[in-house]
PDB file of N, CA and C in Angstrom:
ATOM      1  N   MET A   1     -77.579 -35.759 -10.956  1.00  0.00           N
ATOM      2  CA  MET A   1     -76.637 -35.656 -10.220  1.00  0.00           C
ATOM      3  C   MET A   1     -75.614 -34.820 -11.278  1.00  0.00           C
ATOM      4  N   ARG A   2     -75.439 -34.712 -12.409  1.00  0.00           N
ATOM      5  CA  ARG A   2     -74.964 -33.981 -13.286  1.00  0.00           C
ATOM      6  C   ARG A   2     -75.611 -32.466 -13.094  1.00  0.00           C
ATOM      7  N   ARG A   3     -76.515 -31.925 -12.922  1.00  0.00           N
ATOM      8  CA  ARG A   3     -77.011 -30.894 -12.690  1.00  0.00           C
ATOM      9  C   ARG A   3     -76.574 -30.330 -11.288  1.00  0.00           C
ATOM     10  N   LEU A   4     -76.496 -31.178 -10.259  1.00  0.00           N
ATOM     11  CA  LEU A   4     -75.999 -30.862  -9.125  1.00  0.00           C
ATOM     12  C   LEU A   4     -74.581 -30.404  -8.753  1.00  0.00           C
ATOM     13  N   TRP A   5     -73.600 -31.238  -9.813  1.00  0.00           N
ATOM     14  CA  TRP A   5     -72.332 -30.989  -9.745  1.00  0.00           C
ATOM     15  C   TRP A   5     -72.104 -29.818 -10.685  1.00  0.00           C
ATOM     16  N   GLY A   6     -72.822 -29.335 -11.595  1.00  0.00           N
ATOM     17  CA  GLY A   6     -72.827 -28.161 -12.148  1.00  0.00           C
ATOM     18  C   GLY A   6     -73.127 -26.760 -11.293  1.00  0.00           C
ATOM     19  N   ALA A   7     -74.298 -26.941 -10.519  1.00  0.00           N
ATOM     20  CA  ALA A   7     -74.406 -26.001  -9.690  1.00  0.00           C
ATOM     21  C   ALA A   7     -73.280 -25.975  -8.600  1.00  0.00           C
ATOM     22  N   ILE A   8     -72.903 -26.920  -8.189  1.00  0.00           N
ATOM     23  CA  ILE A   8     -71.448 -26.977  -6.733  1.00  0.00           C
ATOM     24  C   ILE A   8     -70.575 -26.254  -7.713  1.00  0.00           C
ATOM     25  N   SER A   9     -70.137 -26.697  -8.824  1.00  0.00           N
ATOM     26  CA  SER A   9     -69.050 -25.949  -9.487  1.00  0.00           C
ATOM     27  C   SER A   9     -69.149 -24.773  -9.848  1.00  0.00           C
ATOM     28  N   GLY A  10     -70.230 -24.429 -10.318  1.00  0.00           N
ATOM     29  CA  GLY A  10     -70.761 -22.842 -10.763  1.00  0.00           C
ATOM     30  C   GLY A  10     -70.627 -21.771  -9.380  1.00  0.00           C
ATOM     31  N   ALA A  11     -71.034 -22.642  -8.103  1.00  0.00           N
ATOM     32  CA  ALA A  11     -70.924 -21.772  -7.056  1.00  0.00           C
ATOM     33  C   ALA A  11     -69.623 -21.593  -6.510  1.00  0.00           C
ATOM     34  N   ILE A  12     -68.744 -22.644  -6.873  1.00  0.00           N
ATOM     35  CA  ILE A  12     -67.564 -22.544  -6.209  1.00  0.00           C
ATOM     36  C   ILE A  12     -66.489 -21.501  -7.096  1.00  0.00           C
ATOM     37  N   GLY A  13     -66.793 -21.679  -8.318  1.00  0.00           N
ATOM     38  CA  GLY A  13     -66.312 -20.781  -9.419  1.00  0.00           C
ATOM     39  C   GLY A  13     -66.760 -19.116  -9.008  1.00  0.00           C
ATOM     40  N   TRP A  14     -67.875 -19.139  -8.724  1.00  0.00           N
ATOM     41  CA  TRP A  14     -68.416 -17.534  -8.521  1.00  0.00           C
ATOM     42  C   TRP A  14     -67.556 -16.959  -7.370  1.00  0.00           C
ATOM     43  N   VAL A  15     -67.346 -18.048  -6.145  1.00  0.00           N
ATOM     44  CA  VAL A  15     -66.823 -17.494  -5.011  1.00  0.00           C
ATOM     45  C   VAL A  15     -65.468 -17.123  -5.360  1.00  0.00           C
ATOM     46  N   LEU A  16     -64.813 -17.925  -6.197  1.00  0.00           N
ATOM     47  CA  LEU A  16     -63.301 -18.023  -6.415  1.00  0.00           C
ATOM     48  C   LEU A  16     -62.909 -16.823  -7.325  1.00  0.00           C
ATOM     49  N   ASN A  17     -63.775 -16.488  -8.023  1.00  0.00           N
ATOM     50  CA  ASN A  17     -63.474 -15.227  -9.116  1.00  0.00           C
ATOM     51  C   ASN A  17     -63.948 -13.991  -8.596  1.00  0.00           C
ATOM     52  N   ARG A  18     -64.499 -13.858  -7.244  1.00  0.00           N
ATOM     53  CA  ARG A  18     -64.955 -12.599  -6.920  1.00  0.00           C
ATOM     54  C   ARG A  18     -63.416 -11.749  -6.348  1.00  0.00           C
ATOM     55  N   PRO A  19     -63.568 -10.280  -6.959  1.00  0.00           N
ATOM     56  CA  PRO A  19     -62.329  -9.610  -6.712  1.00  0.00           C
ATOM     57  C   PRO A  19     -62.158  -9.623  -4.923  1.00  0.00           C
ATOM     58  N   VAL A  20     -60.950  -9.502  -4.774  1.00  0.00           N
ATOM     59  CA  VAL A  20     -60.806  -9.327  -3.397  1.00  0.00           C
ATOM     60  C   VAL A  20     -60.612  -8.077  -2.885  1.00  0.00           C
ATOM     61  N   GLY A  21     -61.327  -7.640  -1.624  1.00  0.00           N
ATOM     62  CA  GLY A  21     -61.141  -6.436  -1.039  1.00  0.00           C
ATOM     63  C   GLY A  21     -62.342  -5.410  -1.504  1.00  0.00           C
ATOM     64  N   TRP A  22     -62.079  -4.151  -1.317  1.00  0.00           N
ATOM     65  CA  TRP A  22     -63.124  -3.235  -1.805  1.00  0.00           C
ATOM     66  C   TRP A  22     -62.668  -2.734  -3.236  1.00  0.00           C
ATOM     67  N   GLU A  23     -63.518  -2.288  -3.810  1.00  0.00           N
ATOM     68  CA  GLU A  23     -63.279  -1.544  -4.960  1.00  0.00           C
ATOM     69  C   GLU A  23     -63.625  -0.003  -4.798  1.00  0.00           C
ATOM     70  N   ARG A  24     -62.367   0.698  -5.348  1.00  0.00           N
ATOM     71  CA  ARG A  24     -62.178   2.082  -5.029  1.00  0.00           C
ATOM     72  C   ARG A  24     -62.756   2.770  -6.165  1.00  0.00           C
ATOM     73  N   LYS A  25     -63.226   3.913  -5.662  1.00  0.00           N
ATOM     74  CA  LYS A  25     -63.681   4.733  -6.539  1.00  0.00           C
ATOM     75  C   LYS A  25     -62.552   5.492  -7.476  1.00  0.00           C
ATOM     76  N   GLU A  26     -63.009   5.653  -8.830  1.00  0.00           N
ATOM     77  CA  GLU A  26     -62.148   6.454  -9.671  1.00  0.00           C
ATOM     78  C   GLU A  26     -61.610   7.579  -9.260  1.00  0.00           C
ATOM     79  N   ASP A  27     -60.164   7.760  -9.037  1.00  0.00           N
ATOM     80  CA  ASP A  27     -59.726   8.923  -8.372  1.00  0.00           C
ATOM     81  C   ASP A  27     -59.347  10.197  -9.498  1.00  0.00           C
ATOM     82  N   PRO A  28     -59.935  11.094  -9.783  1.00  0.00           N
ATOM     83  CA  PRO A  28     -59.513  12.012 -10.679  1.00  0.00           C
ATOM     84  C   PRO A  28     -58.280  12.352 -10.763  1.00  0.00           C
ATOM     85  N   MET A  29     -57.458  12.416 -10.244  1.00  0.00           N
ATOM     86  CA  MET A  29     -56.016  12.572 -10.261  1.00  0.00           C
ATOM     87  C   MET A  29     -55.307  11.481 -10.959  1.00  0.00           C
ATOM     88  N   ARG A  30     -55.799  10.674 -11.173  1.00  0.00           N
ATOM     89  CA  ARG A  30     -54.973   9.488 -11.601  1.00  0.00           C
ATOM     90  C   ARG A  30     -55.058   9.668 -13.052  1.00  0.00           C
ATOM     91  N   ALA A  31     -56.047  10.302 -13.718  1.00  0.00           N
ATOM     92  CA  ALA A  31     -55.879  10.430 -14.887  1.00  0.00           C
ATOM     93  C   ALA A  31     -54.925  11.299 -15.448  1.00  0.00           C
ATOM     94  N   LEU A  32     -54.123  12.095 -14.800  1.00  0.00           N
ATOM     95  CA  LEU A  32     -53.174  13.186 -14.602  1.00  0.00           C
ATOM     96  C   LEU A  32     -51.875  12.445 -14.419  1.00  0.00           C
ATOM     97  N   TYR A  33     -52.007  11.573 -13.528  1.00  0.00           N
ATOM     98  CA  TYR A  33     -50.559  11.061 -13.148  1.00  0.00           C
ATOM     99  C   TYR A  33     -50.261   9.833 -14.291  1.00  0.00           C
ATOM    100  N   HIS A  34     -51.295   8.908 -14.347  1.00  0.00           N
ATOM    101  CA  HIS A  34     -50.929   7.650 -14.792  1.00  0.00           C
ATOM    102  C   HIS A  34     -51.411   7.905 -16.407  1.00  0.00           C
ATOM    103  N   ARG A  35     -51.028   8.907 -17.308  1.00  0.00           N
ATOM    104  CA  ARG A  35     -51.323   9.129 -18.555  1.00  0.00           C
ATOM    105  C   ARG A  35     -49.795   8.678 -19.430  1.00  0.00           C
ATOM    106  N   PRO A  36     -50.101   8.089 -20.448  1.00  0.00           N
ATOM    107  CA  PRO A  36     -48.860   7.909 -21.392  1.00  0.00           C
ATOM    108  C   PRO A  36     -48.431   9.101 -21.631  1.00  0.00           C
ATOM    109  N   MET A  37     -46.890   9.169 -21.591  1.00  0.00           N
ATOM    110  CA  MET A  37     -46.149  10.577 -21.780  1.00  0.00           C
ATOM    111  C   MET A  37     -46.364  10.971 -23.159  1.00  0.00           C
ATOM    112  N   PRO A  38     -46.417  12.079 -23.439  1.00  0.00           N
ATOM    113  CA  PRO A  38     -46.285  12.565 -24.939  1.00  0.00           C
ATOM    114  C   PRO A  38     -45.206  12.101 -25.717  1.00  0.00           C
ATOM    115  N   ALA A  39     -45.320  11.982 -26.999  1.00  0.00           N
ATOM    116  CA  ALA A  39     -44.063  11.735 -27.648  1.00  0.00           C
ATOM    117  C   ALA A  39     -43.077  12.660 -27.471  1.00  0.00           C
ATOM    118  N   ARG A  40     -42.037  12.094 -27.321  1.00  0.00           N
ATOM    119  CA  ARG A  40     -40.696  12.884 -27.284  1.00  0.00           C
ATOM    120  C   ARG A  40     -40.151  13.689 -28.440  1.00  0.00           C
ATOM    121  N   LEU A  41     -40.068  14.869 -28.304  1.00  0.00           N
ATOM    122  CA  LEU A  41     -39.510  15.956 -29.156  1.00  0.00           C
ATOM    123  C   LEU A  41     -40.771  15.890 -30.295  1.00  0.00           C
ATOM    124  N   ARG A  42     -41.726  16.130 -30.060  1.00  0.00           N
ATOM    125  CA  ARG A  42     -42.856  16.249 -30.972  1.00  0.00           C
ATOM    126  C   ARG A  42     -42.924  17.926 -31.062  1.00  0.00           C
ATOM    127  N   ILE A  43     -43.207  18.262 -32.435  1.00  0.00           N
ATOM    128  CA  ILE A  43     -43.088  19.601 -32.637  1.00  0.00           C
ATOM    129  C   ILE A  43     -44.403  20.463 -32.310  1.00  0.00           C
ATOM    130  N   ASN A  44     -44.210  21.310 -31.444  1.00  0.00           N
ATOM    131  CA  ASN A  44     -45.349  22.379 -31.033  1.00  0.00           C
ATOM    132  C   ASN A  44     -45.512  23.377 -32.082  1.00  0.00           C
ATOM    133  N   TRP A  45     -46.148  23.603 -32.924  1.00  0.00           N
ATOM    134  CA  TRP A  45     -46.393  24.612 -34.014  1.00  0.00           C
ATOM    135  C   TRP A  45     -46.392  26.109 -33.669  1.00  0.00           C
ATOM    136  N   LEU A  46     -47.306  26.106 -32.571  1.00  0.00           N
ATOM    137  CA  LEU A  46     -47.722  27.680 -32.062  1.00  0.00           C
ATOM    138  C   LEU A  46     -46.179  27.890 -31.357  1.00  0.00           C
ATOM    139  N   ALA A  47     -45.732  26.942 -30.503  1.00  0.00           N
ATOM    140  CA  ALA A  47     -44.290  27.424 -29.716  1.00  0.00           C
ATOM    141  C   ALA A  47     -43.116  27.439 -30.651  1.00  0.00           C
ATOM    142  N   LEU A  48     -43.246  26.855 -32.219  1.00  0.00           N
ATOM    143  CA  LEU A  48     -42.257  27.164 -33.120  1.00  0.00           C
ATOM    144  C   LEU A  48     -42.451  28.572 -33.723  1.00  0.00           C
ATOM    145  N   VAL A  49     -43.525  29.020 -33.698  1.00  0.00           N
ATOM    146  CA  VAL A  49     -43.760  30.557 -34.180  1.00  0.00           C
ATOM    147  C   VAL A  49     -43.580  31.299 -33.178  1.00  0.00           C
ATOM    148  N   LEU A  50     -43.979  31.023 -32.050  1.00  0.00           N
ATOM    149  CA  LEU A  50     -43.761  32.322 -30.929  1.00  0.00           C
ATOM    150  C   LEU A  50     -42.529  32.032 -30.078  1.00  0.00           C
ATOM    151  N   GLY A  51     -42.084  30.920 -30.045  1.00  0.00           N
ATOM    152  CA  GLY A  51     -40.529  30.778 -29.421  1.00  0.00           C
ATOM    153  C   GLY A  51     -40.752  30.793 -27.899  1.00  0.00           C
ATOM    154  N   PRO A  52     -39.754  31.363 -27.107  1.00  0.00           N
ATOM    155  CA  PRO A  52     -40.051  31.590 -25.490  1.00  0.00           C
ATOM    156  C   PRO A  52     -41.150  32.351 -25.276  1.00  0.00           C
ATOM    157  N   ILE A  53     -41.967  32.939 -25.979  1.00  0.00           N
ATOM    158  CA  ILE A  53     -42.990  33.918 -25.650  1.00  0.00           C
ATOM    159  C   ILE A  53     -44.032  33.010 -25.567  1.00  0.00           C
ATOM    160  N   TRP A  54     -44.125  31.666 -26.275  1.00  0.00           N
ATOM    161  CA  TRP A  54     -45.034  30.690 -25.804  1.00  0.00           C
ATOM    162  C   TRP A  54     -45.287  30.451 -24.259  1.00  0.00           C
ATOM    163  N   TYR A  55     -44.119  30.187 -23.655  1.00  0.00           N
ATOM    164  CA  TYR A  55     -43.950  29.664 -22.332  1.00  0.00           C
ATOM    165  C   TYR A  55     -44.717  30.846 -21.577  1.00  0.00           C
ATOM    166  N   PHE A  56     -44.868  32.142 -21.733  1.00  0.00           N
ATOM    167  CA  PHE A  56     -45.345  33.097 -21.293  1.00  0.00           C
ATOM    168  C   PHE A  56     -46.839  33.078 -21.172  1.00  0.00           C
ATOM    169  N   PHE A  57     -47.146  32.499 -22.502  1.00  0.00           N
ATOM    170  CA  PHE A  57     -48.840  32.503 -22.606  1.00  0.00           C
ATOM    171  C   PHE A  57     -49.060  31.304 -21.975  1.00  0.00           C
ATOM    172  N   ALA A  58     -48.291  30.056 -21.816  1.00  0.00           N
ATOM    173  CA  ALA A  58     -48.945  29.070 -21.037  1.00  0.00           C
ATOM    174  C   ALA A  58     -48.687  29.175 -19.714  1.00  0.00           C
ATOM    175  N   GLY A  59     -48.054  29.919 -19.022  1.00  0.00           N
ATOM    176  CA  GLY A  59     -47.951  30.205 -17.891  1.00  0.00           C
ATOM    177  C   GLY A  59     -46.539  29.825 -17.138  1.00  0.00           C
ATOM    178  N   LEU A  60     -46.018  29.533 -18.136  1.00  0.00           N
ATOM    179  CA  LEU A  60     -44.393  28.836 -17.444  1.00  0.00           C
ATOM    180  C   LEU A  60     -43.300  30.018 -17.693  1.00  0.00           C
ATOM    181  N   TRP A  61     -43.602  30.946 -16.949  1.00  0.00           N
ATOM    182  CA  TRP A  61     -42.951  32.145 -17.124  1.00  0.00           C
ATOM    183  C   TRP A  61     -41.214  32.070 -16.843  1.00  0.00           C
ATOM    184  N   VAL A  62     -40.809  31.374 -16.049  1.00  0.00           N
ATOM    185  CA  VAL A  62     -39.702  30.800 -15.150  1.00  0.00           C
ATOM    186  C   VAL A  62     -38.973  30.174 -16.545  1.00  0.00           C
ATOM    187  N   HIS A  63     -39.458  29.428 -17.216  1.00  0.00           N
ATOM    188  CA  HIS A  63     -38.927  28.476 -18.449  1.00  0.00           C
ATOM    189  C   HIS A  63     -38.629  29.803 -19.556  1.00  0.00           C
ATOM    190  N   GLY A  64     -39.705  30.719 -19.876  1.00  0.00           N
ATOM    191  CA  GLY A  64     -39.699  31.661 -20.484  1.00  0.00           C
ATOM    192  C   GLY A  64     -38.551  32.636 -20.412  1.00  0.00           C
ATOM    193  N   VAL A  65     -38.329  33.008 -19.102  1.00  0.00           N
ATOM    194  CA  VAL A  65     -37.379  34.171 -18.752  1.00  0.00           C
ATOM    195  C   VAL A  65     -36.087  33.333 -19.071  1.00  0.00           C
ATOM    196  N   ILE A  66     -35.769  31.959 -18.754  1.00  0.00           N
ATOM    197  CA  ILE A  66     -34.574  31.526 -18.771  1.00  0.00           C
ATOM    198  C   ILE A  66     -34.112  31.618 -20.417  1.00  0.00           C
ATOM    199  N   LEU A  67     -35.092  31.036 -21.232  1.00  0.00           N
ATOM    200  CA  LEU A  67     -34.895  30.633 -22.572  1.00  0.00           C
ATOM    201  C   LEU A  67     -34.720  32.521 -23.154  1.00  0.00           C
ATOM    202  N   LEU A  68     -35.426  33.523 -22.837  1.00  0.00           N
ATOM    203  CA  LEU A  68     -34.969  34.597 -23.467  1.00  0.00           C
ATOM    204  C   LEU A  68     -33.834  35.166 -22.999  1.00  0.00           C
ATOM    205  N   SER A  69     -33.376  35.141 -21.755  1.00  0.00           N
ATOM    206  CA  SER A  69     -32.214  35.370 -21.150  1.00  0.00           C
ATOM    207  C   SER A  69     -30.737  34.927 -22.069  1.00  0.00           C
ATOM    208  N   VAL A  70     -31.084  33.445 -22.163  1.00  0.00           N
ATOM    209  CA  VAL A  70     -30.084  32.815 -23.126  1.00  0.00           C
ATOM    210  C   VAL A  70     -29.887  33.401 -24.444  1.00  0.00           C
ATOM    211  N   ALA A  71     -30.950  33.579 -25.002  1.00  0.00           N
ATOM    212  CA  ALA A  71     -31.166  34.222 -26.538  1.00  0.00           C
ATOM    213  C   ALA A  71     -30.399  35.642 -26.273  1.00  0.00           C
ATOM    214  N   PHE A  72     -30.666  36.403 -25.379  1.00  0.00           N
ATOM    215  CA  PHE A  72     -30.299  37.919 -25.150  1.00  0.00           C
ATOM    216  C   PHE A  72     -28.764  38.229 -24.657  1.00  0.00           C
ATOM    217  N   LEU A  73     -28.351  37.036 -23.829  1.00  0.00           N
ATOM    218  CA  LEU A  73     -26.897  36.936 -23.376  1.00  0.00           C
ATOM    219  C   LEU A  73     -25.983  36.485 -24.568  1.00  0.00           C
ATOM    220  N   SER A  74     -26.358  35.582 -25.406  1.00  0.00           N
ATOM    221  CA  SER A  74     -25.722  35.183 -26.279  1.00  0.00           C
ATOM    222  C   SER A  74     -25.537  35.904 -27.584  1.00  0.00           C
ATOM    223  N   GLY A  75     -26.093  37.127 -27.417  1.00  0.00           N
ATOM    224  CA  GLY A  75     -26.122  38.142 -28.560  1.00  0.00           C
ATOM    225  C   GLY A  75     -27.015  37.823 -29.898  1.00  0.00           C
ATOM    226  N   GLY A  76     -27.880  37.031 -29.321  1.00  0.00           N
ATOM    227  CA  GLY A  76     -28.720  36.397 -30.697  1.00  0.00           C
ATOM    228  C   GLY A  76     -28.101  35.236 -31.318  1.00  0.00           C
ATOM    229  N   ILE A  77     -26.909  34.975 -31.160  1.00  0.00           N
ATOM    230  CA  ILE A  77     -26.133  33.865 -31.757  1.00  0.00           C
ATOM    231  C   ILE A  77     -27.027  32.255 -31.460  1.00  0.00           C
ATOM    232  N   LEU A  78     -27.463  32.248 -30.175  1.00  0.00           N
ATOM    233  CA  LEU A  78     -28.356  31.118 -29.977  1.00  0.00           C
ATOM    234  C   LEU A  78     -29.729  31.216 -30.091  1.00  0.00           C
ATOM    235  N   LEU A  79     -29.989  32.112 -30.602  1.00  0.00           N
ATOM    236  CA  LEU A  79     -31.498  32.347 -30.964  1.00  0.00           C
ATOM    237  C   LEU A  79     -32.173  31.283 -31.779  1.00  0.00           C
ATOM    238  N   PRO A  80     -31.688  30.832 -32.828  1.00  0.00           N
ATOM    239  CA  PRO A  80     -32.384  29.712 -33.524  1.00  0.00           C
ATOM    240  C   PRO A  80     -32.481  28.465 -32.715  1.00  0.00           C
ATOM    241  N   PHE A  81     -31.465  28.056 -31.512  1.00  0.00           N
ATOM    242  CA  PHE A  81     -31.287  26.894 -30.976  1.00  0.00           C
ATOM    243  C   PHE A  81     -32.568  27.149 -29.879  1.00  0.00           C
ATOM    244  N   VAL A  82     -32.588  28.301 -29.320  1.00  0.00           N
ATOM    245  CA  VAL A  82     -33.509  28.634 -28.345  1.00  0.00           C
ATOM    246  C   VAL A  82     -34.967  28.356 -28.953  1.00  0.00           C
ATOM    247  N   TRP A  83     -35.146  28.892 -30.061  1.00  0.00           N
ATOM    248  CA  TRP A  83     -36.616  28.785 -30.777  1.00  0.00           C
ATOM    249  C   TRP A  83     -36.802  27.125 -31.025  1.00  0.00           C
ATOM    250  N   LEU A  84     -35.736  26.694 -31.499  1.00  0.00           N
ATOM    251  CA  LEU A  84     -35.910  25.227 -31.722  1.00  0.00           C
ATOM    252  C   LEU A  84     -36.274  24.433 -30.489  1.00  0.00           C
ATOM    253  N   TYR A  85     -35.650  24.757 -29.331  1.00  0.00           N
ATOM    254  CA  TYR A  85     -35.695  23.905 -28.051  1.00  0.00           C
ATOM    255  C   TYR A  85     -37.112  24.292 -27.669  1.00  0.00           C
ATOM    256  N   ALA A  86     -37.606  25.449 -27.805  1.00  0.00           N
ATOM    257  CA  ALA A  86     -38.988  25.964 -27.445  1.00  0.00           C
ATOM    258  C   ALA A  86     -40.060  25.126 -28.228  1.00  0.00           C
ATOM    259  N   ALA A  87     -39.799  24.772 -29.610  1.00  0.00           N
ATOM    260  CA  ALA A  87     -40.742  24.196 -30.355  1.00  0.00           C
ATOM    261  C   ALA A  87     -40.736  22.565 -30.039  1.00  0.00           C
ATOM    262  N   LEU A  88     -39.445  22.070 -29.791  1.00  0.00           N
ATOM    263  CA  LEU A  88     -39.607  20.517 -29.515  1.00  0.00           C
ATOM    264  C   LEU A  88     -40.051  20.097 -28.063  1.00  0.00           C
ATOM    265  N   LYS A  89     -39.831  21.135 -27.158  1.00  0.00           N
ATOM    266  CA  LYS A  89     -39.783  20.563 -25.809  1.00  0.00           C
ATOM    267  C   LYS A  89     -41.135  21.280 -25.112  1.00  0.00           C
ATOM    268  N   ALA A  90     -41.769  21.990 -25.776  1.00  0.00           N
ATOM    269  CA  ALA A  90     -42.996  22.750 -25.055  1.00  0.00           C
ATOM    270  C   ALA A  90     -44.196  21.782 -24.400  1.00  0.00           C
ATOM    271  N   ASP A  91     -44.574  20.633 -25.253  1.00  0.00           N
ATOM    272  CA  ASP A  91     -45.612  19.850 -24.663  1.00  0.00           C
ATOM    273  C   ASP A  91     -45.149  19.121 -23.305  1.00  0.00           C
ATOM    274  N   GLU A  92     -43.870  18.730 -23.496  1.00  0.00           N
ATOM    275  CA  GLU A  92     -43.053  18.061 -22.340  1.00  0.00           C
ATOM    276  C   GLU A  92     -43.081  18.954 -21.183  1.00  0.00           C
ATOM    277  N   ASP A  93     -42.627  19.973 -21.437  1.00  0.00           N
ATOM    278  CA  ASP A  93     -42.638  21.175 -20.102  1.00  0.00           C
ATOM    279  C   ASP A  93     -43.652  21.485 -19.690  1.00  0.00           C
ATOM    280  N   LEU A  94     -44.781  21.554 -20.424  1.00  0.00           N
ATOM    281  CA  LEU A  94     -46.009  21.870 -20.067  1.00  0.00           C
ATOM    282  C   LEU A  94     -46.595  20.727 -19.290  1.00  0.00           C
ATOM    283  N   LEU A  95     -46.589  19.478 -19.615  1.00  0.00           N
ATOM    284  CA  LEU A  95     -46.837  18.389 -18.837  1.00  0.00           C
ATOM    285  C   LEU A  95     -46.348  18.241 -17.465  1.00  0.00           C
ATOM    286  N   ASP A  96     -44.872  18.510 -17.709  1.00  0.00           N
ATOM    287  CA  ASP A  96     -44.285  18.355 -16.331  1.00  0.00           C
ATOM    288  C   ASP A  96     -44.834  19.583 -15.334  1.00  0.00           C
ATOM    289  N   ALA A  97     -44.955  20.741 -16.011  1.00  0.00           N
ATOM    290  CA  ALA A  97     -45.294  21.732 -15.049  1.00  0.00           C
ATOM    291  C   ALA A  97     -46.672  21.314 -14.236  1.00  0.00           C
ATOM    292  N   ARG A  98     -47.650  20.822 -15.061  1.00  0.00           N
ATOM    293  CA  ARG A  98     -48.944  20.451 -14.611  1.00  0.00           C
ATOM    294  C   ARG A  98     -48.954  19.417 -13.660  1.00  0.00           C
ATOM    295  N   LEU A  99     -47.957  18.456 -13.638  1.00  0.00           N
ATOM    296  CA  LEU A  99     -47.668  17.422 -12.737  1.00  0.00           C
ATOM    297  C   LEU A  99     -47.024  17.899 -11.503  1.00  0.00           C
ATOM    298  N   MET A 100     -46.161  18.682 -11.429  1.00  0.00           N
ATOM    299  CA  MET A 100     -45.364  19.590 -10.384  1.00  0.00           C
ATOM    300  C   MET A 100     -46.469  20.429  -9.418  1.00  0.00           C
ATOM    301  N   ARG A 101     -47.452  21.138 -10.265  1.00  0.00           N
ATOM    302  CA  ARG A 101     -48.363  21.664  -9.654  1.00  0.00           C
ATOM    303  C   ARG A 101     -49.186  20.852  -8.564  1.00  0.00           C
ATOM    304  N   ARG A 102     -49.673  19.531  -9.060  1.00  0.00           N
ATOM    305  CA  ARG A 102     -50.138  18.582  -8.285  1.00  0.00           C
ATOM    306  C   ARG A 102     -49.510  17.959  -7.138  1.00  0.00           C
ATOM    307  N   SER A 103     -48.002  18.057  -7.083  1.00  0.00           N
ATOM    308  CA  SER A 103     -47.184  17.163  -6.547  1.00  0.00           C
ATOM    309  C   SER A 103     -46.996  17.786  -5.162  1.00  0.00           C
ATOM    310  N   VAL A 104     -47.034  16.810  -4.268  1.00  0.00           N
ATOM    311  CA  VAL A 104     -46.693  17.273  -2.703  1.00  0.00           C
ATOM    312  C   VAL A 104     -45.222  17.966  -2.553  1.00  0.00           C
ATOM    313  N   TYR A 105     -44.253  17.117  -3.339  1.00  0.00           N
ATOM    314  CA  TYR A 105     -43.190  17.780  -3.056  1.00  0.00           C
ATOM    315  C   TYR A 105     -42.529  18.901  -3.722  1.00  0.00           C
TER     316      TYR A 105
END
């Protein structure tokens, strides 16, 4: 009787623990969208050395033009701040650009 009851409870447990619905295949885009965000304000050393020029090498030419125009229009006064911004926000801007390339909107 005990074996029968164990078999019945095991079968009931197997039925109740089954996943509901179909299992989907792994979406390759999920790794792009559902990654943890990079640490905010982390220093990108290459961007610290190259400044706004790094944005051109990374393919973010709009950001590079904006940062260089700010540096030139200020007469060089804001040049250290532009370089510091490029160093601190480079990784985050690159991730945002990659997400926007895949976005429908």
